[in-house]
Amino acid sequence: NTLWEHATQPRFCWGHQWRVGDILVWGKRCLLHKRGSFDPRQRRIIHRTQCKGEPVHELPAAAAQPPP
């Protein structure tokens, strides 16, 4: 519970209001994610991609701050 309480503080959360043409990309190994409900009659397109490279052990300072 302590971990969830810390990780789900508003300063660590991002909510997205989808608009036509939006693309959202995230590094799955570095965050928790979920989706809200949606109209099952609406078309959803989901693509998965993977990147090869060295693991990141420390985030740059800018990545630690939520977007304005």
PDB file of N, CA and C in Angstrom:
ATOM      1  N   ASN A   1       0.816  -1.202   0.000  1.00  0.00           N
ATOM      2  CA  ASN A   1       0.000   0.000   0.000  1.00  0.00           C
ATOM      3  C   ASN A   1       0.859   1.266   0.000  1.00  0.00           C
ATOM      4  N   THR A   2       1.980   1.207   0.715  1.00  0.00           N
ATOM      5  CA  THR A   2       2.861   2.371   0.761  1.00  0.00           C
ATOM      6  C   THR A   2       3.384   2.710  -0.632  1.00  0.00           C
ATOM      7  N   LEU A   3       3.769   1.703  -1.392  1.00  0.00           N
ATOM      8  CA  LEU A   3       4.271   1.927  -2.750  1.00  0.00           C
ATOM      9  C   LEU A   3       3.186   2.537  -3.638  1.00  0.00           C
ATOM     10  N   TRP A   4       1.968   1.987  -3.602  1.00  0.00           N
ATOM     11  CA  TRP A   4       0.881   2.521  -4.413  1.00  0.00           C
ATOM     12  C   TRP A   4       0.556   3.958  -4.016  1.00  0.00           C
ATOM     13  N   GLU A   5       0.509   4.253  -2.711  1.00  0.00           N
ATOM     14  CA  GLU A   5       0.221   5.611  -2.254  1.00  0.00           C
ATOM     15  C   GLU A   5       1.266   6.594  -2.776  1.00  0.00           C
ATOM     16  N   HIS A   6       2.525   6.170  -2.785  1.00  0.00           N
ATOM     17  CA  HIS A   6       3.586   7.042  -3.282  1.00  0.00           C
ATOM     18  C   HIS A   6       3.490   7.203  -4.807  1.00  0.00           C
ATOM     19  N   ALA A   7       3.394   6.095  -5.518  1.00  0.00           N
ATOM     20  CA  ALA A   7       3.439   6.117  -6.980  1.00  0.00           C
ATOM     21  C   ALA A   7       2.241   6.804  -7.617  1.00  0.00           C
ATOM     22  N   THR A   8       1.115   6.842  -6.930  1.00  0.00           N
ATOM     23  CA  THR A   8      -0.099   7.415  -7.533  1.00  0.00           C
ATOM     24  C   THR A   8      -0.392   8.842  -7.071  1.00  0.00           C
ATOM     25  N   GLN A   9       0.592   9.506  -6.496  1.00  0.00           N
ATOM     26  CA  GLN A   9       0.417  10.915  -6.146  1.00  0.00           C
ATOM     27  C   GLN A   9       0.200  11.722  -7.429  1.00  0.00           C
ATOM     28  N   PRO A  10      -0.633  12.761  -7.381  1.00  0.00           N
ATOM     29  CA  PRO A  10      -0.890  13.564  -8.582  1.00  0.00           C
ATOM     30  C   PRO A  10       0.381  14.062  -9.274  1.00  0.00           C
ATOM     31  N   ARG A  11       1.431  14.360  -8.527  1.00  0.00           N
ATOM     32  CA  ARG A  11       2.657  14.876  -9.170  1.00  0.00           C
ATOM     33  C   ARG A  11       3.340  13.830 -10.028  1.00  0.00           C
ATOM     34  N   PHE A  12       2.994  12.565  -9.883  1.00  0.00           N
ATOM     35  CA  PHE A  12       3.583  11.491 -10.683  1.00  0.00           C
ATOM     36  C   PHE A  12       2.630  10.959 -11.753  1.00  0.00           C
ATOM     37  N   CYS A  13       1.423  11.509 -11.833  1.00  0.00           N
ATOM     38  CA  CYS A  13       0.400  10.960 -12.729  1.00  0.00           C
ATOM     39  C   CYS A  13       0.202  11.821 -13.967  1.00  0.00           C
ATOM     40  N   TRP A  14      -0.126  11.156 -15.066  1.00  0.00           N
ATOM     41  CA  TRP A  14      -0.431  11.831 -16.328  1.00  0.00           C
ATOM     42  C   TRP A  14      -1.782  11.314 -16.795  1.00  0.00           C
ATOM     43  N   GLY A  15      -2.683  12.212 -17.096  1.00  0.00           N
ATOM     44  CA  GLY A  15      -3.962  11.848 -17.695  1.00  0.00           C
ATOM     45  C   GLY A  15      -4.002  12.407 -19.105  1.00  0.00           C
ATOM     46  N   HIS A  16      -4.564  11.692 -20.029  1.00  0.00           N
ATOM     47  CA  HIS A  16      -4.582  12.152 -21.424  1.00  0.00           C
ATOM     48  C   HIS A  16      -6.014  12.178 -21.941  1.00  0.00           C
ATOM     49  N   GLN A  17      -6.430  13.319 -22.488  1.00  0.00           N
ATOM     50  CA  GLN A  17      -7.720  13.444 -23.152  1.00  0.00           C
ATOM     51  C   GLN A  17      -7.465  13.246 -24.641  1.00  0.00           C
ATOM     52  N   TRP A  18      -7.893  12.110 -25.172  1.00  0.00           N
ATOM     53  CA  TRP A  18      -7.597  11.751 -26.557  1.00  0.00           C
ATOM     54  C   TRP A  18      -8.312  12.638 -27.557  1.00  0.00           C
ATOM     55  N   ARG A  19      -7.575  12.987 -28.619  1.00  0.00           N
ATOM     56  CA  ARG A  19      -8.113  13.703 -29.770  1.00  0.00           C
ATOM     57  C   ARG A  19      -7.687  12.946 -31.018  1.00  0.00           C
ATOM     58  N   VAL A  20      -8.427  13.093 -32.085  1.00  0.00           N
ATOM     59  CA  VAL A  20      -8.097  12.433 -33.336  1.00  0.00           C
ATOM     60  C   VAL A  20      -6.661  12.775 -33.735  1.00  0.00           C
ATOM     61  N   GLY A  21      -5.885  11.770 -34.076  1.00  0.00           N
ATOM     62  CA  GLY A  21      -4.507  11.977 -34.509  1.00  0.00           C
ATOM     63  C   GLY A  21      -3.476  11.870 -33.397  1.00  0.00           C
ATOM     64  N   ASP A  22      -3.910  11.749 -32.143  1.00  0.00           N
ATOM     65  CA  ASP A  22      -2.957  11.646 -31.025  1.00  0.00           C
ATOM     66  C   ASP A  22      -2.181  10.338 -31.073  1.00  0.00           C
ATOM     67  N   ILE A  23      -0.933  10.410 -30.686  1.00  0.00           N
ATOM     68  CA  ILE A  23      -0.071   9.247 -30.499  1.00  0.00           C
ATOM     69  C   ILE A  23       0.561   9.402 -29.127  1.00  0.00           C
ATOM     70  N   LEU A  24       0.528   8.352 -28.349  1.00  0.00           N
ATOM     71  CA  LEU A  24       1.105   8.379 -27.008  1.00  0.00           C
ATOM     72  C   LEU A  24       2.129   7.263 -26.912  1.00  0.00           C
ATOM     73  N   VAL A  25       3.332   7.594 -26.454  1.00  0.00           N
ATOM     74  CA  VAL A  25       4.421   6.631 -26.343  1.00  0.00           C
ATOM     75  C   VAL A  25       4.954   6.676 -24.930  1.00  0.00           C
ATOM     76  N   TRP A  26       5.188   5.517 -24.335  1.00  0.00           N
ATOM     77  CA  TRP A  26       5.758   5.463 -22.994  1.00  0.00           C
ATOM     78  C   TRP A  26       6.701   4.292 -22.878  1.00  0.00           C
ATOM     79  N   GLY A  27       7.636   4.396 -21.918  1.00  0.00           N
ATOM     80  CA  GLY A  27       8.559   3.317 -21.607  1.00  0.00           C
ATOM     81  C   GLY A  27       7.934   2.436 -20.537  1.00  0.00           C
ATOM     82  N   LYS A  28       7.391   1.307 -20.944  1.00  0.00           N
ATOM     83  CA  LYS A  28       6.601   0.467 -20.053  1.00  0.00           C
ATOM     84  C   LYS A  28       7.376  -0.012 -18.825  1.00  0.00           C
ATOM     85  N   ARG A  29       8.669  -0.190 -18.939  1.00  0.00           N
ATOM     86  CA  ARG A  29       9.417  -0.709 -17.795  1.00  0.00           C
ATOM     87  C   ARG A  29       9.650   0.344 -16.722  1.00  0.00           C
ATOM     88  N   CYS A  30       9.332   1.593 -17.009  1.00  0.00           N
ATOM     89  CA  CYS A  30       9.613   2.680 -16.072  1.00  0.00           C
ATOM     90  C   CYS A  30       8.355   3.276 -15.447  1.00  0.00           C
ATOM     91  N   LEU A  31       7.197   2.692 -15.679  1.00  0.00           N
ATOM     92  CA  LEU A  31       6.000   3.297 -15.124  1.00  0.00           C
ATOM     93  C   LEU A  31       4.878   2.283 -14.973  1.00  0.00           C
ATOM     94  N   LEU A  32       3.879   2.684 -14.211  1.00  0.00           N
ATOM     95  CA  LEU A  32       2.636   1.927 -14.089  1.00  0.00           C
ATOM     96  C   LEU A  32       1.654   2.575 -15.054  1.00  0.00           C
ATOM     97  N   HIS A  33       0.780   1.782 -15.652  1.00  0.00           N
ATOM     98  CA  HIS A  33      -0.198   2.395 -16.544  1.00  0.00           C
ATOM     99  C   HIS A  33      -1.497   1.606 -16.515  1.00  0.00           C
ATOM    100  N   LYS A  34      -2.570   2.304 -16.853  1.00  0.00           N
ATOM    101  CA  LYS A  34      -3.889   1.696 -16.991  1.00  0.00           C
ATOM    102  C   LYS A  34      -4.699   2.558 -17.940  1.00  0.00           C
ATOM    103  N   ARG A  35      -5.795   2.031 -18.401  1.00  0.00           N
ATOM    104  CA  ARG A  35      -6.686   2.813 -19.248  1.00  0.00           C
ATOM    105  C   ARG A  35      -8.048   2.899 -18.589  1.00  0.00           C
ATOM    106  N   GLY A  36      -8.741   3.948 -18.882  1.00  0.00           N
ATOM    107  CA  GLY A  36     -10.103   4.097 -18.394  1.00  0.00           C
ATOM    108  C   GLY A  36     -11.067   3.371 -19.313  1.00  0.00           C
ATOM    109  N   SER A  37     -12.342   3.462 -18.997  1.00  0.00           N
ATOM    110  CA  SER A  37     -13.345   2.813 -19.837  1.00  0.00           C
ATOM    111  C   SER A  37     -13.440   3.525 -21.183  1.00  0.00           C
ATOM    112  N   PHE A  38     -13.948   2.816 -22.170  1.00  0.00           N
ATOM    113  CA  PHE A  38     -14.117   3.391 -23.501  1.00  0.00           C
ATOM    114  C   PHE A  38     -15.333   2.752 -24.148  1.00  0.00           C
ATOM    115  N   ASP A  39     -15.835   3.378 -25.180  1.00  0.00           N
ATOM    116  CA  ASP A  39     -16.989   2.871 -25.911  1.00  0.00           C
ATOM    117  C   ASP A  39     -16.532   1.688 -26.765  1.00  0.00           C
ATOM    118  N   PRO A  40     -17.014   0.472 -26.488  1.00  0.00           N
ATOM    119  CA  PRO A  40     -16.559  -0.695 -27.233  1.00  0.00           C
ATOM    120  C   PRO A  40     -16.944  -0.666 -28.711  1.00  0.00           C
ATOM    121  N   ARG A  41     -17.827   0.242 -29.086  1.00  0.00           N
ATOM    122  CA  ARG A  41     -18.193   0.372 -30.506  1.00  0.00           C
ATOM    123  C   ARG A  41     -17.192   1.226 -31.265  1.00  0.00           C
ATOM    124  N   GLN A  42     -16.320   1.929 -30.533  1.00  0.00           N
ATOM    125  CA  GLN A  42     -15.314   2.780 -31.165  1.00  0.00           C
ATOM    126  C   GLN A  42     -14.110   1.947 -31.596  1.00  0.00           C
ATOM    127  N   ARG A  43     -13.531   2.293 -32.712  1.00  0.00           N
ATOM    128  CA  ARG A  43     -12.358   1.608 -33.223  1.00  0.00           C
ATOM    129  C   ARG A  43     -11.131   2.018 -32.408  1.00  0.00           C
ATOM    130  N   ARG A  44     -10.336   1.042 -32.007  1.00  0.00           N
ATOM    131  CA  ARG A  44      -9.085   1.303 -31.286  1.00  0.00           C
ATOM    132  C   ARG A  44      -7.956   0.631 -32.050  1.00  0.00           C
ATOM    133  N   ILE A  45      -6.884   1.356 -32.279  1.00  0.00           N
ATOM    134  CA  ILE A  45      -5.712   0.791 -32.951  1.00  0.00           C
ATOM    135  C   ILE A  45      -4.549   0.887 -31.974  1.00  0.00           C
ATOM    136  N   ILE A  46      -3.941  -0.239 -31.688  1.00  0.00           N
ATOM    137  CA  ILE A  46      -2.820  -0.280 -30.752  1.00  0.00           C
ATOM    138  C   ILE A  46      -1.649  -0.968 -31.442  1.00  0.00           C
ATOM    139  N   HIS A  47      -0.492  -0.324 -31.434  1.00  0.00           N
ATOM    140  CA  HIS A  47       0.722  -0.904 -31.987  1.00  0.00           C
ATOM    141  C   HIS A  47       1.744  -1.049 -30.869  1.00  0.00           C
ATOM    142  N   ARG A  48       2.516  -2.093 -30.912  1.00  0.00           N
ATOM    143  CA  ARG A  48       3.586  -2.298 -29.943  1.00  0.00           C
ATOM    144  C   ARG A  48       4.913  -2.228 -30.679  1.00  0.00           C
ATOM    145  N   THR A  49       5.890  -1.620 -30.038  1.00  0.00           N
ATOM    146  CA  THR A  49       7.228  -1.560 -30.608  1.00  0.00           C
ATOM    147  C   THR A  49       8.231  -1.834 -29.503  1.00  0.00           C
ATOM    148  N   GLN A  50       9.404  -2.276 -29.864  1.00  0.00           N
ATOM    149  CA  GLN A  50      10.462  -2.521 -28.902  1.00  0.00           C
ATOM    150  C   GLN A  50      11.723  -1.820 -29.379  1.00  0.00           C
ATOM    151  N   CYS A  51      12.532  -1.389 -28.426  1.00  0.00           N
ATOM    152  CA  CYS A  51      13.791  -0.731 -28.734  1.00  0.00           C
ATOM    153  C   CYS A  51      14.929  -1.571 -28.169  1.00  0.00           C
ATOM    154  N   LYS A  52      15.992  -1.676 -28.916  1.00  0.00           N
ATOM    155  CA  LYS A  52      17.165  -2.402 -28.466  1.00  0.00           C
ATOM    156  C   LYS A  52      18.204  -1.377 -28.032  1.00  0.00           C
ATOM    157  N   GLY A  53      18.868  -1.645 -26.920  1.00  0.00           N
ATOM    158  CA  GLY A  53      19.885  -0.719 -26.453  1.00  0.00           C
ATOM    159  C   GLY A  53      20.296  -1.036 -25.035  1.00  0.00           C
ATOM    160  N   GLU A  54      21.109  -0.173 -24.493  1.00  0.00           N
ATOM    161  CA  GLU A  54      21.583  -0.342 -23.127  1.00  0.00           C
ATOM    162  C   GLU A  54      20.502   0.096 -22.142  1.00  0.00           C
ATOM    163  N   PRO A  55      20.390  -0.577 -21.002  1.00  0.00           N
ATOM    164  CA  PRO A  55      19.392  -0.159 -20.011  1.00  0.00           C
ATOM    165  C   PRO A  55      19.713   1.212 -19.430  1.00  0.00           C
ATOM    166  N   VAL A  56      18.662   1.929 -19.091  1.00  0.00           N
ATOM    167  CA  VAL A  56      18.794   3.239 -18.466  1.00  0.00           C
ATOM    168  C   VAL A  56      18.753   3.032 -16.955  1.00  0.00           C
ATOM    169  N   HIS A  57      19.765   3.506 -16.260  1.00  0.00           N
ATOM    170  CA  HIS A  57      19.815   3.335 -14.811  1.00  0.00           C
ATOM    171  C   HIS A  57      19.443   4.602 -14.071  1.00  0.00           C
ATOM    172  N   GLU A  58      19.495   5.735 -14.740  1.00  0.00           N
ATOM    173  CA  GLU A  58      19.161   7.004 -14.099  1.00  0.00           C
ATOM    174  C   GLU A  58      18.474   7.899 -15.116  1.00  0.00           C
ATOM    175  N   LEU A  59      17.338   8.456 -14.736  1.00  0.00           N
ATOM    176  CA  LEU A  59      16.617   9.349 -15.633  1.00  0.00           C
ATOM    177  C   LEU A  59      17.240  10.742 -15.614  1.00  0.00           C
ATOM    178  N   PRO A  60      17.250  11.426 -16.758  1.00  0.00           N
ATOM    179  CA  PRO A  60      17.686  12.830 -16.754  1.00  0.00           C
ATOM    180  C   PRO A  60      16.758  13.650 -15.859  1.00  0.00           C
ATOM    181  N   ALA A  61      17.239  14.735 -15.306  1.00  0.00           N
ATOM    182  CA  ALA A  61      16.463  15.565 -14.382  1.00  0.00           C
ATOM    183  C   ALA A  61      15.142  16.013 -15.019  1.00  0.00           C
ATOM    184  N   ALA A  62      15.149  16.345 -16.305  1.00  0.00           N
ATOM    185  CA  ALA A  62      13.923  16.814 -16.977  1.00  0.00           C
ATOM    186  C   ALA A  62      12.857  15.735 -17.003  1.00  0.00           C
ATOM    187  N   ALA A  63      13.236  14.470 -17.070  1.00  0.00           N
ATOM    188  CA  ALA A  63      12.267  13.381 -17.124  1.00  0.00           C
ATOM    189  C   ALA A  63      11.588  13.158 -15.778  1.00  0.00           C
ATOM    190  N   ALA A  64      12.172  13.638 -14.718  1.00  0.00           N
ATOM    191  CA  ALA A  64      11.602  13.448 -13.384  1.00  0.00           C
ATOM    192  C   ALA A  64      10.478  14.427 -13.096  1.00  0.00           C
ATOM    193  N   GLN A  65      10.343  15.488 -13.918  1.00  0.00           N
ATOM    194  CA  GLN A  65       9.313  16.490 -13.703  1.00  0.00           C
ATOM    195  C   GLN A  65       8.128  16.221 -14.618  1.00  0.00           C
ATOM    196  N   PRO A  66       6.885  16.267 -14.102  1.00  0.00           N
ATOM    197  CA  PRO A  66       5.724  16.083 -14.972  1.00  0.00           C
ATOM    198  C   PRO A  66       5.601  17.255 -15.934  1.00  0.00           C
ATOM    199  N   PRO A  67       4.990  17.026 -17.098  1.00  0.00           N
ATOM    200  CA  PRO A  67       4.803  18.126 -18.046  1.00  0.00           C
ATOM    201  C   PRO A  67       3.884  19.193 -17.454  1.00  0.00           C
ATOM    202  N   PRO A  68       4.002  20.436 -17.911  1.00  0.00           N
ATOM    203  CA  PRO A  68       3.146  21.526 -17.381  1.00  0.00           C
ATOM    204  C   PRO A  68       1.676  21.299 -17.701  1.00  0.00           C
TER     205      PRO A  68
END
